[in-house]
Amino acid sequence: MNQTTQRDLVAEYFAGFRTSDHPRILATLTDDVEWVIHGHRTTRGKAEFDGEIENPSFTGSPQLDVQRVHEDGPVVVTTGEGHGVSVEHGPFRFAFNDLFTFRYGLIARVDSYVVPLP
């Protein structure tokens, strides 16, 4: 029997976002998860988090290219680039850094840093 690693769970999280698969993403999270998108908003709990998976300000699922993954104890850090489509402004590119903090084998907190790219 294979044990799921923290890296595996982060990969599953991103795979869920690439297809807007709510149950797939939510299965990786604790019930009291916090998602801090620095400079924008904080969500608390799975219900609020679920509402951000397909934010009405955007259309479709994002393209996400995870370029680096680092792990240290209960923390996994990822960096990468993505593409999305804003309802108001159309297509856009961004760089991201997500810091995942784990508790009891699930993601308990996500700190997201998102920077627009030209």
PDB file of N, CA and C in Angstrom:
ATOM      1  N   MET A   1       0.837  -1.185   0.000  1.00  0.00           N
ATOM      2  CA  MET A   1       0.000   0.000   0.000  1.00  0.00           C
ATOM      3  C   MET A   1       0.879   1.245   0.000  1.00  0.00           C
ATOM      4  N   ASN A   2       0.654   2.152  -0.931  1.00  0.00           N
ATOM      5  CA  ASN A   2       1.439   3.367  -1.033  1.00  0.00           C
ATOM      6  C   ASN A   2       0.878   4.447  -0.126  1.00  0.00           C
ATOM      7  N   GLN A   3       1.786   5.152   0.524  1.00  0.00           N
ATOM      8  CA  GLN A   3       1.375   6.269   1.363  1.00  0.00           C
ATOM      9  C   GLN A   3       1.491   7.556   0.546  1.00  0.00           C
ATOM     10  N   THR A   4       0.476   8.413   0.630  1.00  0.00           N
ATOM     11  CA  THR A   4       0.485   9.685  -0.081  1.00  0.00           C
ATOM     12  C   THR A   4       1.431  10.638   0.631  1.00  0.00           C
ATOM     13  N   THR A   5       2.347  11.219  -0.123  1.00  0.00           N
ATOM     14  CA  THR A   5       3.276  12.188   0.453  1.00  0.00           C
ATOM     15  C   THR A   5       2.675  13.588   0.364  1.00  0.00           C
ATOM     16  N   GLN A   6       3.284  14.519   1.061  1.00  0.00           N
ATOM     17  CA  GLN A   6       2.834  15.907   0.986  1.00  0.00           C
ATOM     18  C   GLN A   6       2.985  16.427  -0.445  1.00  0.00           C
ATOM     19  N   ARG A   7       4.063  16.056  -1.109  1.00  0.00           N
ATOM     20  CA  ARG A   7       4.272  16.471  -2.508  1.00  0.00           C
ATOM     21  C   ARG A   7       3.173  15.914  -3.407  1.00  0.00           C
ATOM     22  N   ASP A   8       2.791  14.665  -3.167  1.00  0.00           N
ATOM     23  CA  ASP A   8       1.706  14.050  -3.947  1.00  0.00           C
ATOM     24  C   ASP A   8       0.410  14.840  -3.752  1.00  0.00           C
ATOM     25  N   LEU A   9       0.130  15.228  -2.513  1.00  0.00           N
ATOM     26  CA  LEU A   9      -1.104  15.965  -2.223  1.00  0.00           C
ATOM     27  C   LEU A   9      -1.094  17.336  -2.893  1.00  0.00           C
ATOM     28  N   VAL A  10       0.057  18.005  -2.906  1.00  0.00           N
ATOM     29  CA  VAL A  10       0.168  19.296  -3.587  1.00  0.00           C
ATOM     30  C   VAL A  10      -0.035  19.099  -5.093  1.00  0.00           C
ATOM     31  N   ALA A  11       0.525  18.048  -5.657  1.00  0.00           N
ATOM     32  CA  ALA A  11       0.329  17.757  -7.085  1.00  0.00           C
ATOM     33  C   ALA A  11      -1.149  17.508  -7.380  1.00  0.00           C
ATOM     34  N   GLU A  12      -1.828  16.817  -6.489  1.00  0.00           N
ATOM     35  CA  GLU A  12      -3.265  16.556  -6.639  1.00  0.00           C
ATOM     36  C   GLU A  12      -4.059  17.869  -6.571  1.00  0.00           C
ATOM     37  N   TYR A  13      -3.693  18.738  -5.656  1.00  0.00           N
ATOM     38  CA  TYR A  13      -4.306  20.061  -5.505  1.00  0.00           C
ATOM     39  C   TYR A  13      -4.215  20.832  -6.820  1.00  0.00           C
ATOM     40  N   PHE A  14      -3.008  20.905  -7.397  1.00  0.00           N
ATOM     41  CA  PHE A  14      -2.831  21.626  -8.659  1.00  0.00           C
ATOM     42  C   PHE A  14      -3.578  20.954  -9.809  1.00  0.00           C
ATOM     43  N   ALA A  15      -3.577  19.634  -9.847  1.00  0.00           N
ATOM     44  CA  ALA A  15      -4.318  18.912 -10.886  1.00  0.00           C
ATOM     45  C   ALA A  15      -5.802  19.252 -10.803  1.00  0.00           C
ATOM     46  N   GLY A  16      -6.319  19.368  -9.595  1.00  0.00           N
ATOM     47  CA  GLY A  16      -7.718  19.753  -9.403  1.00  0.00           C
ATOM     48  C   GLY A  16      -8.003  21.152  -9.915  1.00  0.00           C
ATOM     49  N   PHE A  17      -7.090  22.098  -9.647  1.00  0.00           N
ATOM     50  CA  PHE A  17      -7.284  23.474 -10.127  1.00  0.00           C
ATOM     51  C   PHE A  17      -7.237  23.550 -11.649  1.00  0.00           C
ATOM     52  N   ARG A  18      -6.393  22.740 -12.261  1.00  0.00           N
ATOM     53  CA  ARG A  18      -6.276  22.771 -13.726  1.00  0.00           C
ATOM     54  C   ARG A  18      -7.574  22.350 -14.420  1.00  0.00           C
ATOM     55  N   THR A  19      -8.429  21.627 -13.700  1.00  0.00           N
ATOM     56  CA  THR A  19      -9.694  21.157 -14.288  1.00  0.00           C
ATOM     57  C   THR A  19     -10.913  21.667 -13.519  1.00  0.00           C
ATOM     58  N   SER A  20     -10.700  22.575 -12.568  1.00  0.00           N
ATOM     59  CA  SER A  20     -11.771  23.107 -11.707  1.00  0.00           C
ATOM     60  C   SER A  20     -12.560  21.983 -11.040  1.00  0.00           C
ATOM     61  N   ASP A  21     -11.853  20.969 -10.577  1.00  0.00           N
ATOM     62  CA  ASP A  21     -12.451  19.796  -9.935  1.00  0.00           C
ATOM     63  C   ASP A  21     -12.557  20.044  -8.425  1.00  0.00           C
ATOM     64  N   HIS A  22     -13.681  20.589  -8.011  1.00  0.00           N
ATOM     65  CA  HIS A  22     -13.888  20.968  -6.609  1.00  0.00           C
ATOM     66  C   HIS A  22     -13.648  19.808  -5.638  1.00  0.00           C
ATOM     67  N   PRO A  23     -14.289  18.636  -5.808  1.00  0.00           N
ATOM     68  CA  PRO A  23     -14.074  17.552  -4.845  1.00  0.00           C
ATOM     69  C   PRO A  23     -12.607  17.116  -4.758  1.00  0.00           C
ATOM     70  N   ARG A  24     -11.928  17.130  -5.883  1.00  0.00           N
ATOM     71  CA  ARG A  24     -10.506  16.727  -5.904  1.00  0.00           C
ATOM     72  C   ARG A  24      -9.668  17.688  -5.068  1.00  0.00           C
ATOM     73  N   ILE A  25      -9.916  18.979  -5.211  1.00  0.00           N
ATOM     74  CA  ILE A  25      -9.174  19.986  -4.447  1.00  0.00           C
ATOM     75  C   ILE A  25      -9.542  19.907  -2.966  1.00  0.00           C
ATOM     76  N   LEU A  26     -10.837  19.891  -2.684  1.00  0.00           N
ATOM     77  CA  LEU A  26     -11.301  19.912  -1.289  1.00  0.00           C
ATOM     78  C   LEU A  26     -10.835  18.688  -0.509  1.00  0.00           C
ATOM     79  N   ALA A  27     -10.610  17.564  -1.186  1.00  0.00           N
ATOM     80  CA  ALA A  27     -10.137  16.348  -0.517  1.00  0.00           C
ATOM     81  C   ALA A  27      -8.713  16.499   0.015  1.00  0.00           C
ATOM     82  N   THR A  28      -7.989  17.514  -0.458  1.00  0.00           N
ATOM     83  CA  THR A  28      -6.616  17.722   0.002  1.00  0.00           C
ATOM     84  C   THR A  28      -6.531  18.640   1.220  1.00  0.00           C
ATOM     85  N   LEU A  29      -7.667  19.206   1.647  1.00  0.00           N
ATOM     86  CA  LEU A  29      -7.688  20.272   2.653  1.00  0.00           C
ATOM     87  C   LEU A  29      -8.279  19.841   3.986  1.00  0.00           C
ATOM     88  N   THR A  30      -7.801  20.474   5.071  1.00  0.00           N
ATOM     89  CA  THR A  30      -8.453  20.312   6.371  1.00  0.00           C
ATOM     90  C   THR A  30      -9.769  21.094   6.340  1.00  0.00           C
ATOM     91  N   ASP A  31     -10.686  20.771   7.237  1.00  0.00           N
ATOM     92  CA  ASP A  31     -11.978  21.468   7.286  1.00  0.00           C
ATOM     93  C   ASP A  31     -11.818  22.955   7.599  1.00  0.00           C
ATOM     94  N   ASP A  32     -10.787  23.298   8.382  1.00  0.00           N
ATOM     95  CA  ASP A  32     -10.591  24.692   8.799  1.00  0.00           C
ATOM     96  C   ASP A  32      -9.477  25.391   8.001  1.00  0.00           C
ATOM     97  N   VAL A  33      -9.254  24.945   6.785  1.00  0.00           N
ATOM     98  CA  VAL A  33      -8.186  25.487   5.947  1.00  0.00           C
ATOM     99  C   VAL A  33      -8.281  27.007   5.823  1.00  0.00           C
ATOM    100  N   GLU A  34      -7.119  27.646   5.767  1.00  0.00           N
ATOM    101  CA  GLU A  34      -7.037  29.080   5.486  1.00  0.00           C
ATOM    102  C   GLU A  34      -6.288  29.247   4.176  1.00  0.00           C
ATOM    103  N   TRP A  35      -6.792  30.129   3.318  1.00  0.00           N
ATOM    104  CA  TRP A  35      -6.111  30.462   2.067  1.00  0.00           C
ATOM    105  C   TRP A  35      -5.901  31.966   2.067  1.00  0.00           C
ATOM    106  N   VAL A  36      -4.649  32.364   2.198  1.00  0.00           N
ATOM    107  CA  VAL A  36      -4.288  33.778   2.207  1.00  0.00           C
ATOM    108  C   VAL A  36      -3.682  34.104   0.845  1.00  0.00           C
ATOM    109  N   ILE A  37      -4.395  34.880   0.054  1.00  0.00           N
ATOM    110  CA  ILE A  37      -3.871  35.377  -1.208  1.00  0.00           C
ATOM    111  C   ILE A  37      -3.386  36.785  -0.873  1.00  0.00           C
ATOM    112  N   HIS A  38      -2.100  36.883  -0.594  1.00  0.00           N
ATOM    113  CA  HIS A  38      -1.528  38.111  -0.045  1.00  0.00           C
ATOM    114  C   HIS A  38      -1.789  39.306  -0.954  1.00  0.00           C
ATOM    115  N   GLY A  39      -2.303  40.373  -0.331  1.00  0.00           N
ATOM    116  CA  GLY A  39      -2.641  41.589  -1.049  1.00  0.00           C
ATOM    117  C   GLY A  39      -4.048  41.586  -1.622  1.00  0.00           C
ATOM    118  N   HIS A  40      -4.781  40.453  -1.461  1.00  0.00           N
ATOM    119  CA  HIS A  40      -6.123  40.373  -2.053  1.00  0.00           C
ATOM    120  C   HIS A  40      -7.192  39.943  -1.054  1.00  0.00           C
ATOM    121  N   ARG A  41      -7.087  38.717  -0.514  1.00  0.00           N
ATOM    122  CA  ARG A  41      -8.148  38.234   0.370  1.00  0.00           C
ATOM    123  C   ARG A  41      -7.686  37.012   1.158  1.00  0.00           C
ATOM    124  N   THR A  42      -8.458  36.687   2.180  1.00  0.00           N
ATOM    125  CA  THR A  42      -8.246  35.476   2.971  1.00  0.00           C
ATOM    126  C   THR A  42      -9.565  34.727   3.051  1.00  0.00           C
ATOM    127  N   THR A  43      -9.520  33.427   2.795  1.00  0.00           N
ATOM    128  CA  THR A  43     -10.709  32.594   2.981  1.00  0.00           C
ATOM    129  C   THR A  43     -10.435  31.639   4.131  1.00  0.00           C
ATOM    130  N   ARG A  44     -11.494  31.287   4.836  1.00  0.00           N
ATOM    131  CA  ARG A  44     -11.371  30.378   5.984  1.00  0.00           C
ATOM    132  C   ARG A  44     -12.419  29.291   5.872  1.00  0.00           C
ATOM    133  N   GLY A  45     -11.956  28.048   5.957  1.00  0.00           N
ATOM    134  CA  GLY A  45     -12.860  26.901   5.898  1.00  0.00           C
ATOM    135  C   GLY A  45     -13.089  26.441   4.461  1.00  0.00           C
ATOM    136  N   LYS A  46     -13.495  25.174   4.357  1.00  0.00           N
ATOM    137  CA  LYS A  46     -13.692  24.578   3.036  1.00  0.00           C
ATOM    138  C   LYS A  46     -14.784  25.269   2.217  1.00  0.00           C
ATOM    139  N   ALA A  47     -15.852  25.739   2.858  1.00  0.00           N
ATOM    140  CA  ALA A  47     -16.944  26.365   2.113  1.00  0.00           C
ATOM    141  C   ALA A  47     -16.472  27.637   1.410  1.00  0.00           C
ATOM    142  N   GLU A  48     -15.743  28.496   2.130  1.00  0.00           N
ATOM    143  CA  GLU A  48     -15.218  29.719   1.516  1.00  0.00           C
ATOM    144  C   GLU A  48     -14.178  29.386   0.451  1.00  0.00           C
ATOM    145  N   PHE A  49     -13.322  28.417   0.742  1.00  0.00           N
ATOM    146  CA  PHE A  49     -12.298  27.993  -0.207  1.00  0.00           C
ATOM    147  C   PHE A  49     -12.962  27.503  -1.496  1.00  0.00           C
ATOM    148  N   ASP A  50     -14.012  26.709  -1.345  1.00  0.00           N
ATOM    149  CA  ASP A  50     -14.740  26.173  -2.494  1.00  0.00           C
ATOM    150  C   ASP A  50     -15.251  27.299  -3.390  1.00  0.00           C
ATOM    151  N   GLY A  51     -15.699  28.398  -2.788  1.00  0.00           N
ATOM    152  CA  GLY A  51     -16.203  29.534  -3.547  1.00  0.00           C
ATOM    153  C   GLY A  51     -15.136  30.240  -4.371  1.00  0.00           C
ATOM    154  N   GLU A  52     -13.869  30.066  -4.007  1.00  0.00           N
ATOM    155  CA  GLU A  52     -12.771  30.700  -4.745  1.00  0.00           C
ATOM    156  C   GLU A  52     -12.220  29.815  -5.862  1.00  0.00           C
ATOM    157  N   ILE A  53     -12.555  28.536  -5.870  1.00  0.00           N
ATOM    158  CA  ILE A  53     -12.019  27.632  -6.894  1.00  0.00           C
ATOM    159  C   ILE A  53     -12.410  28.109  -8.285  1.00  0.00           C
ATOM    160  N   GLU A  54     -13.643  28.516  -8.443  1.00  0.00           N
ATOM    161  CA  GLU A  54     -14.096  29.105  -9.696  1.00  0.00           C
ATOM    162  C   GLU A  54     -14.659  30.488  -9.389  1.00  0.00           C
ATOM    163  N   ASN A  55     -13.752  31.407  -9.138  1.00  0.00           N
ATOM    164  CA  ASN A  55     -14.097  32.781  -8.815  1.00  0.00           C
ATOM    165  C   ASN A  55     -14.848  33.399  -9.991  1.00  0.00           C
ATOM    166  N   PRO A  56     -15.992  34.059  -9.755  1.00  0.00           N
ATOM    167  CA  PRO A  56     -16.780  34.632 -10.850  1.00  0.00           C
ATOM    168  C   PRO A  56     -16.065  35.737 -11.629  1.00  0.00           C
ATOM    169  N   SER A  57     -14.941  36.226 -11.127  1.00  0.00           N
ATOM    170  CA  SER A  57     -14.173  37.238 -11.848  1.00  0.00           C
ATOM    171  C   SER A  57     -13.333  36.632 -12.984  1.00  0.00           C
ATOM    172  N   PHE A  58     -13.295  35.301 -13.052  1.00  0.00           N
ATOM    173  CA  PHE A  58     -12.478  34.613 -14.041  1.00  0.00           C
ATOM    174  C   PHE A  58     -13.316  33.584 -14.784  1.00  0.00           C
ATOM    175  N   THR A  59     -12.888  33.227 -16.001  1.00  0.00           N
ATOM    176  CA  THR A  59     -13.582  32.190 -16.762  1.00  0.00           C
ATOM    177  C   THR A  59     -12.638  31.032 -17.010  1.00  0.00           C
ATOM    178  N   GLY A  60     -13.200  29.833 -17.056  1.00  0.00           N
ATOM    179  CA  GLY A  60     -12.404  28.645 -17.345  1.00  0.00           C
ATOM    180  C   GLY A  60     -11.467  28.273 -16.211  1.00  0.00           C
ATOM    181  N   SER A  61     -10.654  27.278 -16.464  1.00  0.00           N
ATOM    182  CA  SER A  61      -9.668  26.796 -15.495  1.00  0.00           C
ATOM    183  C   SER A  61      -8.309  27.387 -15.831  1.00  0.00           C
ATOM    184  N   PRO A  62      -7.499  27.680 -14.808  1.00  0.00           N
ATOM    185  CA  PRO A  62      -6.177  28.244 -15.086  1.00  0.00           C
ATOM    186  C   PRO A  62      -5.222  27.184 -15.639  1.00  0.00           C
ATOM    187  N   GLN A  63      -4.284  27.633 -16.448  1.00  0.00           N
ATOM    188  CA  GLN A  63      -3.159  26.786 -16.844  1.00  0.00           C
ATOM    189  C   GLN A  63      -2.067  27.052 -15.825  1.00  0.00           C
ATOM    190  N   LEU A  64      -1.581  26.008 -15.178  1.00  0.00           N
ATOM    191  CA  LEU A  64      -0.592  26.169 -14.120  1.00  0.00           C
ATOM    192  C   LEU A  64       0.625  25.300 -14.414  1.00  0.00           C
ATOM    193  N   ASP A  65       1.794  25.921 -14.445  1.00  0.00           N
ATOM    194  CA  ASP A  65       3.044  25.221 -14.673  1.00  0.00           C
ATOM    195  C   ASP A  65       3.882  25.329 -13.412  1.00  0.00           C
ATOM    196  N   VAL A  66       3.870  24.278 -12.598  1.00  0.00           N
ATOM    197  CA  VAL A  66       4.668  24.260 -11.376  1.00  0.00           C
ATOM    198  C   VAL A  66       6.110  23.976 -11.789  1.00  0.00           C
ATOM    199  N   GLN A  67       7.012  24.894 -11.452  1.00  0.00           N
ATOM    200  CA  GLN A  67       8.392  24.782 -11.900  1.00  0.00           C
ATOM    201  C   GLN A  67       9.343  24.284 -10.821  1.00  0.00           C
ATOM    202  N   ARG A  68       9.040  24.585  -9.580  1.00  0.00           N
ATOM    203  CA  ARG A  68       9.876  24.132  -8.465  1.00  0.00           C
ATOM    204  C   ARG A  68       9.004  23.695  -7.308  1.00  0.00           C
ATOM    205  N   VAL A  69       9.468  22.675  -6.591  1.00  0.00           N
ATOM    206  CA  VAL A  69       8.800  22.196  -5.388  1.00  0.00           C
ATOM    207  C   VAL A  69       9.880  21.943  -4.341  1.00  0.00           C
ATOM    208  N   HIS A  70       9.718  22.565  -3.187  1.00  0.00           N
ATOM    209  CA  HIS A  70      10.648  22.368  -2.072  1.00  0.00           C
ATOM    210  C   HIS A  70       9.832  21.938  -0.854  1.00  0.00           C
ATOM    211  N   GLU A  71      10.389  21.011  -0.077  1.00  0.00           N
ATOM    212  CA  GLU A  71       9.681  20.511   1.099  1.00  0.00           C
ATOM    213  C   GLU A  71      10.600  20.579   2.308  1.00  0.00           C
ATOM    214  N   ASP A  72      10.045  21.034   3.423  1.00  0.00           N
ATOM    215  CA  ASP A  72      10.776  21.076   4.683  1.00  0.00           C
ATOM    216  C   ASP A  72       9.789  20.837   5.809  1.00  0.00           C
ATOM    217  N   GLY A  73       9.827  19.678   6.400  1.00  0.00           N
ATOM    218  CA  GLY A  73       8.895  19.334   7.482  1.00  0.00           C
ATOM    219  C   GLY A  73       7.462  19.420   6.996  1.00  0.00           C
ATOM    220  N   PRO A  74       6.612  20.164   7.721  1.00  0.00           N
ATOM    221  CA  PRO A  74       5.192  20.234   7.344  1.00  0.00           C
ATOM    222  C   PRO A  74       4.884  21.288   6.283  1.00  0.00           C
ATOM    223  N   VAL A  75       5.916  21.761   5.559  1.00  0.00           N
ATOM    224  CA  VAL A  75       5.725  22.831   4.589  1.00  0.00           C
ATOM    225  C   VAL A  75       6.232  22.397   3.211  1.00  0.00           C
ATOM    226  N   VAL A  76       5.411  22.674   2.194  1.00  0.00           N
ATOM    227  CA  VAL A  76       5.808  22.487   0.797  1.00  0.00           C
ATOM    228  C   VAL A  76       5.665  23.839   0.110  1.00  0.00           C
ATOM    229  N   VAL A  77       6.718  24.256  -0.603  1.00  0.00           N
ATOM    230  CA  VAL A  77       6.725  25.527  -1.309  1.00  0.00           C
ATOM    231  C   VAL A  77       6.813  25.245  -2.806  1.00  0.00           C
ATOM    232  N   THR A  78       5.958  25.896  -3.580  1.00  0.00           N
ATOM    233  CA  THR A  78       5.982  25.751  -5.032  1.00  0.00           C
ATOM    234  C   THR A  78       6.155  27.122  -5.680  1.00  0.00           C
ATOM    235  N   THR A  79       6.788  27.118  -6.838  1.00  0.00           N
ATOM    236  CA  THR A  79       6.852  28.313  -7.668  1.00  0.00           C
ATOM    237  C   THR A  79       6.472  27.912  -9.083  1.00  0.00           C
ATOM    238  N   GLY A  80       5.953  28.863  -9.831  1.00  0.00           N
ATOM    239  CA  GLY A  80       5.589  28.551 -11.199  1.00  0.00           C
ATOM    240  C   GLY A  80       4.992  29.743 -11.912  1.00  0.00           C
ATOM    241  N   GLU A  81       4.449  29.449 -13.096  1.00  0.00           N
ATOM    242  CA  GLU A  81       3.775  30.460 -13.899  1.00  0.00           C
ATOM    243  C   GLU A  81       2.434  29.918 -14.357  1.00  0.00           C
ATOM    244  N   GLY A  82       1.525  30.841 -14.658  1.00  0.00           N
ATOM    245  CA  GLY A  82       0.202  30.420 -15.093  1.00  0.00           C
ATOM    246  C   GLY A  82      -0.415  31.390 -16.079  1.00  0.00           C
ATOM    247  N   HIS A  83      -1.527  30.943 -16.639  1.00  0.00           N
ATOM    248  CA  HIS A  83      -2.348  31.746 -17.551  1.00  0.00           C
ATOM    249  C   HIS A  83      -3.787  31.619 -17.090  1.00  0.00           C
ATOM    250  N   GLY A  84      -4.517  32.709 -17.183  1.00  0.00           N
ATOM    251  CA  GLY A  84      -5.933  32.694 -16.850  1.00  0.00           C
ATOM    252  C   GLY A  84      -6.670  33.672 -17.735  1.00  0.00           C
ATOM    253  N   VAL A  85      -7.987  33.734 -17.534  1.00  0.00           N
ATOM    254  CA  VAL A  85      -8.802  34.677 -18.293  1.00  0.00           C
ATOM    255  C   VAL A  85      -9.692  35.432 -17.307  1.00  0.00           C
ATOM    256  N   SER A  86      -9.489  36.743 -17.235  1.00  0.00           N
ATOM    257  CA  SER A  86     -10.296  37.618 -16.398  1.00  0.00           C
ATOM    258  C   SER A  86     -11.541  38.017 -17.178  1.00  0.00           C
ATOM    259  N   VAL A  87     -12.697  38.025 -16.522  1.00  0.00           N
ATOM    260  CA  VAL A  87     -13.936  38.456 -17.160  1.00  0.00           C
ATOM    261  C   VAL A  87     -13.799  39.891 -17.644  1.00  0.00           C
ATOM    262  N   GLU A  88     -13.189  40.734 -16.839  1.00  0.00           N
ATOM    263  CA  GLU A  88     -13.095  42.161 -17.150  1.00  0.00           C
ATOM    264  C   GLU A  88     -11.953  42.511 -18.111  1.00  0.00           C
ATOM    265  N   HIS A  89     -10.820  41.788 -18.009  1.00  0.00           N
ATOM    266  CA  HIS A  89      -9.626  42.201 -18.763  1.00  0.00           C
ATOM    267  C   HIS A  89      -9.124  41.172 -19.776  1.00  0.00           C
ATOM    268  N   GLY A  90      -9.736  40.013 -19.853  1.00  0.00           N
ATOM    269  CA  GLY A  90      -9.299  39.003 -20.817  1.00  0.00           C
ATOM    270  C   GLY A  90      -8.112  38.182 -20.325  1.00  0.00           C
ATOM    271  N   PRO A  91      -7.351  37.587 -21.248  1.00  0.00           N
ATOM    272  CA  PRO A  91      -6.246  36.700 -20.873  1.00  0.00           C
ATOM    273  C   PRO A  91      -5.135  37.440 -20.130  1.00  0.00           C
ATOM    274  N   PHE A  92      -4.501  36.739 -19.206  1.00  0.00           N
ATOM    275  CA  PHE A  92      -3.377  37.310 -18.472  1.00  0.00           C
ATOM    276  C   PHE A  92      -2.422  36.202 -18.058  1.00  0.00           C
ATOM    277  N   ARG A  93      -1.174  36.597 -17.823  1.00  0.00           N
ATOM    278  CA  ARG A  93      -0.130  35.690 -17.338  1.00  0.00           C
ATOM    279  C   ARG A  93       0.273  36.124 -15.934  1.00  0.00           C
ATOM    280  N   PHE A  94       0.754  35.168 -15.156  1.00  0.00           N
ATOM    281  CA  PHE A  94       1.179  35.484 -13.804  1.00  0.00           C
ATOM    282  C   PHE A  94       2.250  34.506 -13.338  1.00  0.00           C
ATOM    283  N   ALA A  95       3.041  34.954 -12.396  1.00  0.00           N
ATOM    284  CA  ALA A  95       3.966  34.092 -11.674  1.00  0.00           C
ATOM    285  C   ALA A  95       3.350  33.856 -10.305  1.00  0.00           C
ATOM    286  N   PHE A  96       3.600  32.679  -9.738  1.00  0.00           N
ATOM    287  CA  PHE A  96       3.044  32.398  -8.413  1.00  0.00           C
ATOM    288  C   PHE A  96       4.046  31.683  -7.526  1.00  0.00           C
ATOM    289  N   ASN A  97       3.825  31.859  -6.249  1.00  0.00           N
ATOM    290  CA  ASN A  97       4.539  31.145  -5.206  1.00  0.00           C
ATOM    291  C   ASN A  97       3.478  30.744  -4.195  1.00  0.00           C
ATOM    292  N   ASP A  98       3.343  29.455  -3.959  1.00  0.00           N
ATOM    293  CA  ASP A  98       2.385  28.967  -2.967  1.00  0.00           C
ATOM    294  C   ASP A  98       3.130  28.214  -1.879  1.00  0.00           C
ATOM    295  N   LEU A  99       2.830  28.547  -0.654  1.00  0.00           N
ATOM    296  CA  LEU A  99       3.405  27.887   0.508  1.00  0.00           C
ATOM    297  C   LEU A  99       2.283  27.107   1.184  1.00  0.00           C
ATOM    298  N   PHE A 100       2.416  25.782   1.227  1.00  0.00           N
ATOM    299  CA  PHE A 100       1.401  24.897   1.802  1.00  0.00           C
ATOM    300  C   PHE A 100       1.874  24.421   3.170  1.00  0.00           C
ATOM    301  N   THR A 101       1.063  24.633   4.190  1.00  0.00           N
ATOM    302  CA  THR A 101       1.364  24.143   5.527  1.00  0.00           C
ATOM    303  C   THR A 101       0.425  22.980   5.832  1.00  0.00           C
ATOM    304  N   PHE A 102       0.996  21.856   6.240  1.00  0.00           N
ATOM    305  CA  PHE A 102       0.233  20.629   6.471  1.00  0.00           C
ATOM    306  C   PHE A 102      -0.025  20.391   7.955  1.00  0.00           C
ATOM    307  N   ARG A 103      -1.153  19.759   8.221  1.00  0.00           N
ATOM    308  CA  ARG A 103      -1.501  19.297   9.560  1.00  0.00           C
ATOM    309  C   ARG A 103      -2.232  17.972   9.396  1.00  0.00           C
ATOM    310  N   TYR A 104      -1.764  16.948  10.072  1.00  0.00           N
ATOM    311  CA  TYR A 104      -2.389  15.621  10.032  1.00  0.00           C
ATOM    312  C   TYR A 104      -2.575  15.101   8.605  1.00  0.00           C
ATOM    313  N   GLY A 105      -1.568  15.352   7.751  1.00  0.00           N
ATOM    314  CA  GLY A 105      -1.579  14.803   6.411  1.00  0.00           C
ATOM    315  C   GLY A 105      -2.416  15.544   5.386  1.00  0.00           C
ATOM    316  N   LEU A 106      -2.982  16.702   5.755  1.00  0.00           N
ATOM    317  CA  LEU A 106      -3.777  17.504   4.822  1.00  0.00           C
ATOM    318  C   LEU A 106      -3.278  18.949   4.827  1.00  0.00           C
ATOM    319  N   ILE A 107      -3.633  19.683   3.787  1.00  0.00           N
ATOM    320  CA  ILE A 107      -3.243  21.085   3.690  1.00  0.00           C
ATOM    321  C   ILE A 107      -4.119  21.908   4.636  1.00  0.00           C
ATOM    322  N   ALA A 108      -3.472  22.590   5.587  1.00  0.00           N
ATOM    323  CA  ALA A 108      -4.195  23.390   6.577  1.00  0.00           C
ATOM    324  C   ALA A 108      -4.151  24.887   6.259  1.00  0.00           C
ATOM    325  N   ARG A 109      -3.152  25.291   5.462  1.00  0.00           N
ATOM    326  CA  ARG A 109      -3.026  26.703   5.115  1.00  0.00           C
ATOM    327  C   ARG A 109      -2.296  26.809   3.777  1.00  0.00           C
ATOM    328  N   VAL A 110      -2.769  27.732   2.955  1.00  0.00           N
ATOM    329  CA  VAL A 110      -2.106  28.052   1.692  1.00  0.00           C
ATOM    330  C   VAL A 110      -1.829  29.551   1.694  1.00  0.00           C
ATOM    331  N   ASP A 111      -0.554  29.907   1.559  1.00  0.00           N
ATOM    332  CA  ASP A 111      -0.163  31.306   1.392  1.00  0.00           C
ATOM    333  C   ASP A 111       0.198  31.466  -0.078  1.00  0.00           C
ATOM    334  N   SER A 112      -0.565  32.293  -0.799  1.00  0.00           N
ATOM    335  CA  SER A 112      -0.346  32.497  -2.234  1.00  0.00           C
ATOM    336  C   SER A 112       0.159  33.905  -2.496  1.00  0.00           C
ATOM    337  N   TYR A 113       1.183  33.963  -3.314  1.00  0.00           N
ATOM    338  CA  TYR A 113       1.741  35.232  -3.781  1.00  0.00           C
ATOM    339  C   TYR A 113       1.650  35.187  -5.301  1.00  0.00           C
ATOM    340  N   VAL A 114       0.932  36.136  -5.890  1.00  0.00           N
ATOM    341  CA  VAL A 114       0.687  36.141  -7.321  1.00  0.00           C
ATOM    342  C   VAL A 114       1.158  37.481  -7.895  1.00  0.00           C
ATOM    343  N   VAL A 115       1.957  37.401  -8.955  1.00  0.00           N
ATOM    344  CA  VAL A 115       2.510  38.597  -9.590  1.00  0.00           C
ATOM    345  C   VAL A 115       2.130  38.583 -11.070  1.00  0.00           C
ATOM    346  N   PRO A 116       1.487  39.646 -11.568  1.00  0.00           N
ATOM    347  CA  PRO A 116       1.167  39.708 -12.991  1.00  0.00           C
ATOM    348  C   PRO A 116       2.437  39.756 -13.840  1.00  0.00           C
ATOM    349  N   LEU A 117       2.392  39.108 -14.999  1.00  0.00           N
ATOM    350  CA  LEU A 117       3.510  39.136 -15.935  1.00  0.00           C
ATOM    351  C   LEU A 117       3.066  39.837 -17.218  1.00  0.00           C
ATOM    352  N   PRO A 118       4.012  40.492 -17.911  1.00  0.00           N
ATOM    353  CA  PRO A 118       3.647  41.163 -19.175  1.00  0.00           C
ATOM    354  C   PRO A 118       3.266  40.153 -20.249  1.00  0.00           C
TER     355      PRO A 118
END
